[in-house]
């Protein structure tokens, strides 16, 4: 159960230390004193999202701690052991803490060990359930309705098995779908590669072919100009007699000066080189074959090469290497579907496991549905909705919670057919139906603590007394903490906390003894004008609280 709540610098609270006991604890106080702030602090320490405005103005941080007694609560104790978070000094104690800085950043602790919010929430959902003032709206949601039915009549372990089986099935489905898409993509790529390679193989371009035919094409395409240039060069060389005259003149000189002899040798060597050049030019001229048909063949070949190079976005020089690269990529692509078949078998196996657990859940739900509906209907009648009845409508729906969803249908008037809760019941009726459902679900819930924020809203008089006795009966096996404005409910609490503001307008909470309870109940009955008569009636409510039984 929840044993204590410590609040520092949270909203309008400077400092609060609140103790809680077993049974039914009622929390009362005038409007605006901060009753909801208390529940807000409790929600925050249980893992609710933090915002900067929750820190008390002028404070550096808000600090909230809650102490739970988890002895005998196997699920929570096992979780603490698994996470290595158990209190080694005091077995059965669990201290959760939340610190929120003024900039909005927060930290969470379990037994002084830093934890993530996810871990904090996983633990606290096993310890306590808070039903706020929006519970009537939440109750219209199908997943909430299914959760209430499961709290009443479904084995939590079987629900966890089903959740794990569903997630394993979905994971296998995702993996199989990804592999199938990958194989399809590979197949498409392979088809494209085959088409591209067929074009390149039809071209049959050799590795060093392009440079050769490009050079030959360039030479043949300008062969006429080359031949003319070669002919002009030959004529110039052959008609040049100047070097011969110079050689003869120098040779006739009667002087053995080394420089003269060197010049003469160079001129004779130059003559020999020119003679060699003339021979090579004549051979080159003879090799220049002007063949239009061969030139056309080369031109067509080059056009094919350039066209494929543009198509594949590579240079003509890289086309052969590109072909080899495509061939290697095609060879590396494997469209083997054996892995996919294996995954599909895993999908079928995991789906079968999910169906097994889902059917087990379905049996438990259908088996407990009539009992749950009958209990809620009886509670509705007790709360003043005469001839009211709840029925459960199941619909096929595969999810991690099983094979069906459920919708609560109510009938508040026997003259009219039943319908969805949010469409049939009025606001006041919905509040009482919501309370009836919560009470019935909590009777078999494993949660050790239930917190209700104004569960008696919209009811008064005799009905409020019935509400109080329902909560008191529920508190026989579940700790119940209830914020209330109804004196009939407040009188039935085993413990009574009063919320008020001090002179500095800070929220304070006091535990009330009998005399103080009489005064507080009198205020709730009569408002500001408390009289002896209202005090007498308040005292009567307290005396009768332990003497009257719920019928």
Protein backbone atom coordinates (compact mmCIF):
# COMPACT_ATOMS: atom_id res chain seq x y z
CA UNK A 1 0.00 0.00 0.00
CA UNK A 2 0.93 3.67 -0.16
CA UNK A 3 2.41 4.58 3.23
CA UNK A 4 3.64 8.14 2.81
CA UNK A 5 3.88 11.00 0.34
CA UNK A 6 6.45 13.79 0.69
CA UNK A 7 6.09 16.91 -1.45
CA UNK A 8 8.53 19.82 -1.68
CA UNK A 9 8.05 22.98 -3.80
CA UNK A 10 5.34 21.53 -6.03
CA UNK A 11 2.85 24.07 -7.46
CA UNK A 12 1.35 25.86 -4.40
CA UNK A 13 2.91 23.43 -1.94
CA UNK A 14 6.02 24.43 -0.02
CA UNK A 15 6.31 21.32 2.10
CA UNK A 16 3.99 18.38 2.85
CA UNK A 17 4.54 15.10 4.66
CA UNK A 18 1.45 12.89 4.46
CA UNK A 19 0.99 9.47 5.99
CA UNK A 20 -1.56 6.95 4.71
CA UNK A 21 -3.07 3.92 6.40
CA UNK A 22 -4.97 0.82 5.40
CA UNK A 23 -8.61 0.93 4.40
CA UNK A 24 -10.44 4.02 3.13
CA UNK A 25 -8.73 7.41 3.36
CA UNK A 26 -10.90 10.41 2.51
CA UNK A 27 -9.48 13.79 1.53
CA UNK A 28 -11.67 16.86 1.93
CA UNK A 29 -11.32 20.63 1.86
CA UNK A 30 -12.84 23.76 0.42
CA UNK A 31 -12.66 24.36 -3.32
CA UNK A 32 -9.35 25.88 -4.40
CA UNK A 33 -7.33 24.68 -1.43
CA UNK A 34 -5.28 22.23 -3.48
CA UNK A 35 -6.87 18.77 -3.27
CA UNK A 36 -6.10 18.17 -6.93
CA UNK A 37 -2.53 19.35 -6.40
CA UNK A 38 -2.03 16.40 -4.07
CA UNK A 39 -3.13 13.97 -6.80
CA UNK A 40 -1.00 15.85 -9.32
CA UNK A 41 2.07 15.34 -7.16
CA UNK A 42 1.24 11.67 -6.78
CA UNK A 43 0.78 11.28 -10.55
CA UNK A 44 4.14 12.95 -11.17
CA UNK A 45 6.05 10.66 -8.85
CA UNK A 46 4.40 7.70 -10.60
CA UNK A 47 5.83 8.76 -13.96
CA UNK A 48 3.56 11.39 -15.48
CA UNK A 49 5.16 13.87 -17.88
CA UNK A 50 6.76 16.86 -16.15
CA UNK A 51 6.37 20.53 -17.14
CA UNK A 52 8.16 23.65 -15.92
CA UNK A 53 5.02 25.17 -14.35
CA UNK A 54 4.81 22.48 -11.66
CA UNK A 55 7.83 23.90 -9.81
CA UNK A 56 6.82 26.33 -7.07
CA UNK A 57 7.61 29.93 -8.13
CA UNK A 58 11.05 30.93 -6.85
CA UNK A 59 12.13 27.33 -6.14
CA UNK A 60 15.00 25.59 -7.91
CA UNK A 61 13.22 22.24 -8.16
CA UNK A 62 10.19 20.22 -7.15
CA UNK A 63 10.87 17.04 -5.18
CA UNK A 64 8.20 14.36 -4.61
CA UNK A 65 8.69 10.99 -2.92
CA UNK A 66 6.23 8.17 -2.29
CA UNK A 67 6.85 5.22 0.01
CA UNK A 68 5.10 1.91 -0.68
CA UNK A 69 4.90 -1.30 1.29
CA UNK A 70 5.29 -4.07 -1.31
CA UNK A 71 5.60 -7.00 1.08
CA UNK A 72 3.28 -9.72 -0.15
CA UNK A 73 2.96 -8.10 -3.60
CA UNK A 74 4.81 -10.68 -5.66
CA UNK A 75 4.69 -8.88 -9.02
CA UNK A 76 6.27 -5.68 -7.67
CA UNK A 77 8.84 -7.56 -5.57
CA UNK A 78 9.85 -9.69 -8.56
CA UNK A 79 10.22 -6.60 -10.74
CA UNK A 80 12.45 -4.91 -8.17
CA UNK A 81 14.62 -8.04 -7.93
CA UNK A 82 14.92 -8.34 -11.73
CA UNK A 83 15.98 -4.71 -12.00
CA UNK A 84 18.32 -4.95 -8.98
CA UNK A 85 16.33 -2.19 -7.27
CA UNK A 86 15.16 -3.91 -4.09
CA UNK A 87 15.82 -2.18 -0.76
CA UNK A 88 18.57 -4.24 0.89
CA UNK A 89 18.13 -2.55 4.27
CA UNK A 90 14.38 -2.97 4.63
CA UNK A 91 12.73 -5.76 2.68
CA UNK A 92 9.27 -4.90 1.44
CA UNK A 93 9.85 -1.16 1.32
CA UNK A 94 9.88 0.71 -1.97
CA UNK A 95 10.67 4.41 -2.20
CA UNK A 96 10.01 6.14 -5.53
CA UNK A 97 11.17 9.71 -6.09
CA UNK A 98 10.89 12.33 -8.81
CA UNK A 99 12.87 15.55 -9.01
CA UNK A 100 11.89 18.23 -11.54
CA UNK A 101 14.20 21.20 -12.10
CA UNK A 102 12.92 24.70 -12.86
CA UNK A 103 13.97 24.25 -16.51
CA UNK A 104 11.67 21.23 -16.86
CA UNK A 105 14.32 18.51 -16.77
CA UNK A 106 13.50 15.66 -14.43
CA UNK A 107 15.11 12.65 -12.78
CA UNK A 108 13.52 9.52 -11.34
CA UNK A 109 14.73 7.21 -8.57
CA UNK A 110 13.65 3.87 -7.12
CA UNK A 111 15.17 3.13 -3.73
CA UNK A 112 17.76 5.88 -4.37
CA UNK A 113 18.86 4.34 -7.67
CA UNK A 114 18.42 6.51 -10.81
CA UNK A 115 16.01 4.93 -13.30
CA UNK A 116 14.29 5.86 -16.55
CA UNK A 117 10.66 6.98 -16.59
CA UNK A 118 9.80 3.76 -18.39
CA UNK A 119 11.15 1.65 -15.52
CA UNK A 120 9.39 3.90 -12.99
CA UNK A 121 6.06 3.51 -14.78
CA UNK A 122 6.48 -0.25 -15.15
CA UNK A 123 6.87 -0.57 -11.40
CA UNK A 124 4.16 1.88 -10.37
CA UNK A 125 1.51 0.40 -12.62
CA UNK A 126 1.76 -2.66 -10.37
CA UNK A 127 1.28 -0.58 -7.22
CA UNK A 128 -1.43 2.02 -7.69
CA UNK A 129 -4.21 3.15 -10.01
CA UNK A 130 -5.39 6.77 -10.14
CA UNK A 131 -8.84 7.56 -11.48
CA UNK A 132 -9.06 11.27 -12.20
CA UNK A 133 -12.06 13.45 -12.93
CA UNK A 134 -11.76 12.60 -16.63
CA UNK A 135 -12.37 8.92 -15.92
CA UNK A 136 -15.92 9.18 -17.30
CA UNK A 137 -14.48 10.26 -20.66
CA UNK A 138 -11.76 7.61 -20.58
CA UNK A 139 -14.36 4.98 -19.78
CA UNK A 140 -15.88 5.50 -23.24
CA UNK A 141 -12.67 4.20 -24.84
CA UNK A 142 -12.73 0.55 -25.88
CA UNK A 143 -9.19 -0.20 -24.75
CA UNK A 144 -10.03 1.15 -21.28
CA UNK A 145 -13.17 -0.99 -21.16
CA UNK A 146 -11.22 -4.09 -22.17
CA UNK A 147 -8.64 -3.31 -19.47
CA UNK A 148 -11.36 -3.12 -16.80
CA UNK A 149 -12.78 -6.47 -17.86
CA UNK A 150 -9.29 -7.97 -17.80
CA UNK A 151 -8.69 -6.56 -14.32
CA UNK A 152 -11.81 -8.37 -13.22
CA UNK A 153 -11.52 -11.78 -14.79
CA UNK A 154 -8.28 -12.37 -16.73
CA UNK A 155 -5.05 -13.93 -15.51
CA UNK A 156 -2.38 -11.18 -15.82
CA UNK A 157 0.27 -13.75 -16.68
CA UNK A 158 -1.80 -15.06 -19.59
CA UNK A 159 -2.28 -11.49 -20.76
CA UNK A 160 1.49 -10.99 -20.68
CA UNK A 161 2.04 -14.24 -22.61
CA UNK A 162 -0.40 -13.03 -25.26
CA UNK A 163 1.30 -9.63 -25.46
CA UNK A 164 4.73 -11.22 -25.92
CA UNK A 165 3.40 -13.69 -28.53
CA UNK A 166 1.74 -10.89 -30.49
CA UNK A 167 4.92 -8.82 -30.51
CA UNK A 168 6.99 -11.83 -31.61
CA UNK A 169 4.52 -12.47 -34.44
CA UNK A 170 4.59 -8.83 -35.54
CA UNK A 171 8.39 -8.80 -35.45
CA UNK A 172 8.52 -11.89 -37.66
CA UNK A 173 5.97 -10.31 -40.04
CA UNK A 174 8.10 -7.18 -40.30
CA UNK A 175 11.25 -9.18 -41.01
CA UNK A 176 9.51 -11.32 -43.63
CA UNK A 177 8.00 -8.28 -45.34
CA UNK A 178 11.38 -6.52 -45.40
CA UNK A 179 13.10 -9.58 -46.90
CA UNK A 180 10.34 -10.03 -49.46
CA UNK A 181 10.66 -6.40 -50.51
CA UNK A 182 14.45 -6.81 -50.70
CA UNK A 183 14.15 -9.91 -52.86
CA UNK A 184 11.69 -8.16 -55.13
CA UNK A 185 14.05 -5.21 -55.41
CA UNK A 186 16.92 -7.55 -56.21
CA UNK A 187 14.86 -9.27 -58.88
CA UNK A 188 13.98 -5.94 -60.48
CA UNK A 189 17.63 -4.89 -60.41
CA UNK A 190 18.73 -8.20 -61.90
CA UNK A 191 16.25 -7.81 -64.77
CA UNK A 192 17.63 -4.35 -65.53
CA UNK A 193 21.22 -5.62 -65.40
CA UNK A 194 20.43 -8.47 -67.80
CA UNK A 195 18.91 -6.01 -70.29
CA UNK A 196 21.89 -3.63 -70.02
CA UNK A 197 24.41 -6.44 -70.40
CA UNK A 198 22.63 -7.76 -73.48
CA UNK A 199 23.13 -4.37 -75.13
CA UNK A 200 26.79 -4.26 -74.17
CA UNK A 201 27.43 -7.86 -75.17
CA UNK A 202 25.78 -7.23 -78.53
CA UNK A 203 28.25 -4.39 -79.02
CA UNK A 204 31.07 -6.83 -78.10
CA UNK A 205 33.58 -4.10 -77.34
CA UNK A 206 37.10 -5.39 -76.61
CA UNK A 207 39.13 -3.92 -73.79
CA UNK A 208 41.55 -1.86 -75.92
CA UNK A 209 39.39 -1.54 -79.03
CA UNK A 210 38.08 2.00 -78.57
CA UNK A 211 41.46 3.83 -78.48
CA UNK A 212 42.60 1.98 -81.61
CA UNK A 213 39.54 2.58 -83.76
CA UNK A 214 39.21 6.16 -82.50
CA UNK A 215 42.79 6.82 -83.62
CA UNK A 216 42.29 5.05 -86.97
CA UNK A 217 39.03 6.89 -87.58
CA UNK A 218 40.65 10.23 -86.82
CA UNK A 219 43.49 9.45 -89.26
CA UNK A 220 41.28 8.19 -92.05
CA UNK A 221 38.77 11.00 -91.70
CA UNK A 222 41.57 13.54 -92.39
CA UNK A 223 43.66 11.33 -94.74
CA UNK A 224 43.37 13.76 -97.69
CA UNK A 225 44.73 16.65 -95.66
CA UNK A 226 47.47 14.47 -94.21
CA UNK A 227 48.57 13.28 -97.65
CA UNK A 228 48.74 16.82 -98.98
CA UNK A 229 50.80 17.95 -96.02
CA UNK A 230 53.16 15.00 -96.43
CA UNK A 231 53.56 15.74 -100.19
CA UNK A 232 54.30 19.41 -99.57
CA UNK A 233 56.83 18.45 -96.92
CA UNK A 234 58.56 16.00 -99.30
CA UNK A 235 58.77 18.59 -102.02
CA UNK A 236 60.26 21.12 -99.68
CA UNK A 237 62.85 18.68 -98.41
CA UNK A 238 63.77 17.35 -101.85
CA UNK A 239 64.05 20.81 -103.45
CA UNK A 240 66.25 22.17 -100.69
CA UNK A 241 69.83 22.37 -102.21
CA UNK A 242 71.15 24.87 -99.70
CA UNK A 243 72.55 22.32 -97.30
CA UNK A 244 74.44 20.53 -100.08
CA UNK A 245 76.06 23.76 -101.29
CA UNK A 246 77.07 24.69 -97.78
CA UNK A 247 78.65 21.27 -97.18
CA UNK A 248 80.63 21.44 -100.44
CA UNK A 249 81.81 24.96 -99.72
CA UNK A 250 82.97 24.16 -96.23
CA UNK A 251 84.66 20.94 -97.35
CA UNK A 252 86.74 22.89 -99.91
CA UNK A 253 88.17 25.15 -97.19
CA UNK A 254 91.77 24.36 -96.31
CA UNK A 255 91.47 24.70 -92.53
CA UNK A 256 91.50 22.01 -89.89
CA UNK A 257 90.00 24.14 -87.09
CA UNK A 258 87.99 21.89 -84.74
CA UNK A 259 84.94 24.12 -84.81
CA UNK A 260 84.85 24.07 -88.59
CA UNK A 261 85.20 20.32 -88.70
CA UNK A 262 82.43 19.95 -86.05
CA UNK A 263 80.06 22.14 -88.07
CA UNK A 264 80.81 20.14 -91.18
CA UNK A 265 80.12 16.85 -89.38
CA UNK A 266 76.82 18.16 -88.01
CA UNK A 267 75.69 19.30 -91.46
CA UNK A 268 76.53 15.92 -92.98
CA UNK A 269 74.59 14.16 -90.12
CA UNK A 270 71.66 16.49 -90.70
CA UNK A 271 71.69 15.58 -94.34
CA UNK A 272 71.54 11.91 -93.49
CA UNK A 273 68.62 12.56 -91.07
CA UNK A 274 66.75 14.53 -93.69
CA UNK A 275 67.25 11.66 -96.13
CA UNK A 276 65.82 9.28 -93.54
CA UNK A 277 62.84 11.63 -92.93
CA UNK A 278 62.15 11.73 -96.67
CA UNK A 279 62.06 7.93 -96.83
CA UNK A 280 59.70 7.76 -93.79
CA UNK A 281 57.42 10.43 -95.25
CA UNK A 282 57.18 8.51 -98.52
CA UNK A 283 56.28 5.35 -96.58
CA UNK A 284 53.71 7.27 -94.52
CA UNK A 285 52.21 8.70 -97.72
CA UNK A 286 51.95 5.26 -99.21
CA UNK A 287 50.19 3.98 -96.05
CA UNK A 288 47.50 6.64 -96.19
CA UNK A 289 44.71 4.60 -97.75
CA UNK A 290 41.66 6.69 -98.55
CA UNK A 291 38.91 4.03 -98.23
CA UNK A 292 35.41 5.56 -97.84
CA UNK A 293 33.76 2.22 -97.09
CA UNK A 294 36.18 1.39 -94.24
CA UNK A 295 35.81 4.91 -92.88
CA UNK A 296 32.02 4.51 -92.87
CA UNK A 297 32.36 1.22 -91.01
CA UNK A 298 34.55 2.84 -88.36
CA UNK A 299 32.18 5.79 -88.13
CA UNK A 300 29.21 3.50 -87.49
CA UNK A 301 31.15 1.55 -84.86
CA UNK A 302 32.11 4.73 -83.00
CA UNK A 303 28.52 5.99 -83.07
CA UNK A 304 27.35 2.75 -81.40
CA UNK A 305 30.04 3.08 -78.73
CA UNK A 306 29.22 6.73 -78.01
CA UNK A 307 25.47 6.03 -77.87
CA UNK A 308 25.85 3.26 -75.28
CA UNK A 309 28.32 5.36 -73.30
CA UNK A 310 25.77 8.19 -73.09
CA UNK A 311 23.03 5.74 -72.13
CA UNK A 312 25.11 4.26 -69.32
CA UNK A 313 26.50 7.65 -68.31
CA UNK A 314 30.15 6.73 -68.66
CA UNK A 315 32.91 7.81 -71.02
CA UNK A 316 33.58 5.62 -74.08
CA UNK A 317 36.98 4.74 -72.58
CA UNK A 318 35.18 3.34 -69.45
CA UNK A 319 32.50 1.38 -71.31
CA UNK A 320 34.29 -1.98 -71.28
CA UNK A 321 35.15 -1.62 -67.56
CA UNK A 322 31.51 -0.63 -66.88
CA UNK A 323 30.35 -3.82 -68.58
CA UNK A 324 32.57 -5.91 -66.33
CA UNK A 325 31.24 -4.05 -63.28
CA UNK A 326 27.64 -4.78 -64.26
CA UNK A 327 28.50 -8.42 -64.79
CA UNK A 328 30.02 -8.62 -61.32
CA UNK A 329 26.96 -6.97 -59.74
CA UNK A 330 24.63 -9.38 -61.51
CA UNK A 331 26.67 -12.35 -60.35
CA UNK A 332 26.54 -11.07 -56.75
CA UNK A 333 22.75 -10.73 -56.71
CA UNK A 334 21.07 -13.76 -55.20
CA UNK A 335 17.35 -14.26 -55.51
CA UNK A 336 17.42 -17.36 -53.35
CA UNK A 337 14.05 -17.45 -51.53
CA UNK A 338 14.97 -20.12 -48.98
CA UNK A 339 15.52 -17.54 -46.23
CA UNK A 340 12.16 -15.97 -46.99
CA UNK A 341 10.47 -19.35 -46.78
CA UNK A 342 12.10 -19.94 -43.40
CA UNK A 343 10.87 -16.56 -42.14
CA UNK A 344 7.37 -17.23 -43.42
CA UNK A 345 7.39 -20.46 -41.44
CA UNK A 346 8.42 -18.45 -38.36
CA UNK A 347 5.52 -16.06 -39.02
CA UNK A 348 3.06 -18.94 -39.12
CA UNK A 349 4.53 -20.48 -35.98
CA UNK A 350 4.43 -17.19 -34.04
CA UNK A 351 0.90 -16.48 -35.24
CA UNK A 352 -0.18 -19.91 -34.04
CA UNK A 353 1.37 -19.18 -30.63
CA UNK A 354 -0.44 -15.85 -30.48
CA UNK A 355 -3.74 -17.50 -31.42
CA UNK A 356 -3.21 -20.07 -28.69
CA UNK A 357 -2.79 -17.42 -26.00
CA UNK A 358 -5.45 -15.21 -27.56
CA UNK A 359 -7.99 -18.03 -27.40
CA UNK A 360 -7.08 -18.72 -23.79
CA UNK A 361 -7.73 -15.03 -23.03
CA UNK A 362 -10.99 -15.14 -24.96
CA UNK A 363 -12.22 -18.06 -22.89
CA UNK A 364 -11.45 -16.19 -19.67
CA UNK A 365 -13.12 -13.02 -20.94
CA UNK A 366 -16.30 -14.68 -22.16
CA UNK A 367 -16.45 -16.73 -18.97
CA UNK A 368 -16.18 -13.64 -16.73
CA UNK A 369 -18.18 -11.22 -18.91
CA UNK A 370 -21.63 -12.22 -17.61
CA UNK A 371 -20.45 -12.19 -14.01
CA UNK A 372 -18.82 -8.78 -14.48
CA UNK A 373 -21.91 -7.34 -16.18
CA UNK A 374 -24.22 -8.73 -13.47
CA UNK A 375 -22.04 -7.30 -10.70
CA UNK A 376 -21.89 -3.86 -12.35
CA UNK A 377 -25.64 -3.92 -13.00
CA UNK A 378 -26.32 -4.73 -9.35
CA UNK A 379 -23.99 -1.93 -8.28
CA UNK A 380 -25.76 0.47 -10.67
CA UNK A 381 -29.08 -0.41 -9.04
CA UNK A 382 -27.54 0.16 -5.62
CA UNK A 383 -26.39 3.59 -6.78
CA UNK A 384 -29.92 4.59 -7.75
CA UNK A 385 -30.09 3.60 -11.42
CA UNK A 386 -33.13 1.36 -11.06
CA UNK A 387 -33.51 -1.27 -13.77
CA UNK A 388 -30.11 -0.23 -15.08
CA UNK A 389 -28.04 -2.94 -16.73
CA UNK A 390 -24.64 -3.34 -18.33
CA UNK A 391 -23.93 -5.69 -21.23
CA UNK A 392 -20.68 -6.40 -23.01
CA UNK A 393 -20.48 -6.49 -26.81
CA UNK A 394 -17.44 -8.29 -28.25
CA UNK A 395 -15.96 -7.63 -31.69
CA UNK A 396 -13.12 -9.48 -33.48
CA UNK A 397 -9.91 -7.47 -33.26
CA UNK A 398 -6.38 -8.87 -33.23
CA UNK A 399 -3.95 -6.93 -31.06
CA UNK A 400 -1.39 -7.58 -28.34
CA UNK A 401 -4.37 -7.82 -25.98
CA UNK A 402 -5.91 -10.77 -27.76
CA UNK A 403 -8.48 -11.58 -30.39
CA UNK A 404 -11.30 -9.19 -29.55
CA UNK A 405 -12.26 -5.75 -28.36
CA UNK A 406 -15.18 -5.03 -26.07
CA UNK A 407 -17.69 -2.23 -25.81
CA UNK A 408 -19.79 -1.51 -22.74
CA UNK A 409 -23.50 -1.08 -23.51
CA UNK A 410 -25.86 0.21 -20.86
CA UNK A 411 -29.58 0.35 -20.42
CA UNK A 412 -30.94 2.95 -18.02
CA UNK A 413 -34.58 2.66 -19.01
CA UNK A 414 -36.25 -0.69 -19.78
CA UNK A 415 -38.41 1.05 -22.40
CA UNK A 416 -35.39 1.72 -24.58
CA UNK A 417 -32.70 -0.59 -25.98
CA UNK A 418 -29.18 -0.55 -24.64
CA UNK A 419 -26.42 1.39 -26.35
CA UNK A 420 -22.82 2.56 -25.92
CA UNK A 421 -22.09 4.10 -22.55
CA UNK A 422 -21.20 7.55 -23.88
CA UNK A 423 -24.37 7.77 -26.01
CA UNK A 424 -26.99 6.43 -23.64
CA UNK A 425 -26.25 7.65 -20.12
CA UNK A 426 -26.63 11.23 -18.92
CA UNK A 427 -23.76 12.98 -17.15
CA UNK A 428 -24.94 12.05 -13.66
CA UNK A 429 -25.74 8.50 -14.67
CA UNK A 430 -22.40 8.13 -16.38
CA UNK A 431 -20.60 9.18 -13.20
CA UNK A 432 -22.43 6.55 -11.16
CA UNK A 433 -21.99 3.86 -13.82
CA UNK A 434 -18.28 4.71 -13.98
CA UNK A 435 -18.02 4.33 -10.22
CA UNK A 436 -19.89 1.01 -10.31
CA UNK A 437 -17.53 -0.32 -13.00
CA UNK A 438 -14.43 0.86 -11.14
CA UNK A 439 -15.59 -0.68 -7.88
CA UNK A 440 -16.46 -4.03 -9.43
CA UNK A 441 -13.22 -4.16 -11.44
CA UNK A 442 -11.15 -3.21 -8.39
CA UNK A 443 -12.70 -5.96 -6.28
CA UNK A 444 -10.65 -8.54 -8.17
CA UNK A 445 -7.76 -6.34 -9.24
CA UNK A 446 -4.27 -7.20 -8.04
CA UNK A 447 -3.55 -3.51 -7.51
CA UNK A 448 -3.05 -2.79 -3.80
CA UNK A 449 -4.05 0.90 -3.98
CA UNK A 450 -6.88 2.74 -5.75
CA UNK A 451 -7.04 6.56 -5.83
CA UNK A 452 -10.35 8.22 -6.78
CA UNK A 453 -10.68 11.93 -7.52
CA UNK A 454 -14.27 12.95 -6.70
CA UNK A 455 -15.81 9.63 -7.65
CA UNK A 456 -19.01 10.84 -5.97
CA UNK A 457 -19.42 13.85 -8.29
CA UNK A 458 -23.05 14.40 -9.23
CA UNK A 459 -24.51 12.34 -6.37
CA UNK A 460 -25.74 13.32 -2.94
CA UNK A 461 -27.92 12.31 0.00
CA UNK A 462 -28.75 8.63 0.18
CA UNK A 463 -26.80 7.82 -2.99
CA UNK A 464 -23.69 9.49 -1.59
CA UNK A 465 -24.04 7.31 1.53
CA UNK A 466 -24.23 4.24 -0.73
CA UNK A 467 -21.13 5.39 -2.61
CA UNK A 468 -19.27 5.76 0.66
CA UNK A 469 -20.25 2.29 1.80
CA UNK A 470 -19.22 0.80 -1.55
CA UNK A 471 -15.80 2.37 -1.14
CA UNK A 472 -15.56 1.27 2.48
CA UNK A 473 -16.44 -2.30 1.50
CA UNK A 474 -13.86 -2.17 -1.30
CA UNK A 475 -11.27 -0.89 1.18
CA UNK A 476 -11.57 -4.14 3.12
CA UNK A 477 -9.04 -5.67 0.70
CA UNK A 478 -7.69 -2.69 -1.29
CA UNK A 479 -6.32 0.58 0.01
CA UNK A 480 -8.68 3.31 -1.25
CA UNK A 481 -7.85 7.02 -1.24
CA UNK A 482 -10.76 9.24 -2.24
CA UNK A 483 -11.03 12.99 -2.74
CA UNK A 484 -14.65 13.87 -1.93
CA UNK A 485 -17.07 16.76 -1.42
CA UNK A 486 -19.80 14.52 0.03
CA UNK A 487 -20.00 14.45 3.86
CA UNK A 488 -21.72 11.05 3.71
CA UNK A 489 -18.64 9.62 1.95
CA UNK A 490 -16.18 11.48 4.16
CA UNK A 491 -17.83 10.11 7.32
CA UNK A 492 -17.19 6.54 6.19
CA UNK A 493 -13.42 6.93 5.86
CA UNK A 494 -11.11 5.03 8.15
CA UNK A 495 -8.76 8.01 7.89
CA UNK A 496 -9.58 11.64 7.16
CA UNK A 497 -7.22 14.23 5.67
CA UNK A 498 -8.20 17.90 5.36
CA UNK A 499 -6.64 20.20 2.79
CA UNK A 500 -6.46 23.91 3.58
CA UNK A 501 -4.29 26.98 3.01
CA UNK A 502 -2.22 28.69 5.65
CA UNK A 503 -1.74 32.43 6.08
CA UNK A 504 0.84 32.49 3.30
CA UNK A 505 -1.62 30.71 0.98
CA UNK A 506 0.50 27.55 0.93
CA UNK A 507 -1.41 24.27 0.72
CA UNK A 508 -1.38 22.24 3.94
CA UNK A 509 -2.85 18.84 4.83
CA UNK A 510 -3.83 17.73 8.32
CA UNK A 511 -4.84 14.32 9.57
CA UNK A 512 -8.09 14.82 11.52
CA UNK A 513 -9.00 13.24 14.85
CA UNK A 514 -12.64 12.66 15.84
CA UNK A 515 -13.38 16.20 17.10
CA UNK A 516 -11.75 17.77 14.06
CA UNK A 517 -13.66 15.40 11.79
CA UNK A 518 -16.96 16.51 13.29
CA UNK A 519 -16.04 20.13 12.58
CA UNK A 520 -14.98 19.35 9.00
CA UNK A 521 -18.11 17.30 8.29
CA UNK A 522 -20.22 20.10 9.74
CA UNK A 523 -18.53 22.52 7.33
CA UNK A 524 -19.25 20.19 4.44
CA UNK A 525 -22.89 19.95 5.51
CA UNK A 526 -23.58 23.61 6.26
CA UNK A 527 -20.84 25.59 4.55
CA UNK A 528 -19.54 28.65 6.39
CA UNK A 529 -22.55 28.86 8.77
CA UNK A 530 -21.74 25.93 11.07
CA UNK A 531 -24.35 25.41 13.78
CA UNK A 532 -24.80 23.01 16.67
CA UNK A 533 -27.38 21.21 14.58
CA UNK A 534 -24.90 20.63 11.75
CA UNK A 535 -22.32 19.45 14.29
CA UNK A 536 -24.83 17.02 15.78
CA UNK A 537 -25.64 15.65 12.34
CA UNK A 538 -21.93 15.32 11.58
CA UNK A 539 -21.37 13.41 14.82
CA UNK A 540 -24.32 11.16 13.93
CA UNK A 541 -22.77 10.40 10.53
CA UNK A 542 -19.54 9.37 12.21
CA UNK A 543 -21.26 7.17 14.78
CA UNK A 544 -23.33 5.43 12.16
CA UNK A 545 -20.37 4.89 9.85
CA UNK A 546 -19.18 1.82 11.77
CA UNK A 547 -22.64 0.54 12.72
CA UNK A 548 -24.53 0.40 9.44
CA UNK A 549 -23.98 -2.35 6.92
CA UNK A 550 -24.33 -2.05 3.18
CA UNK A 551 -27.46 -3.84 1.93
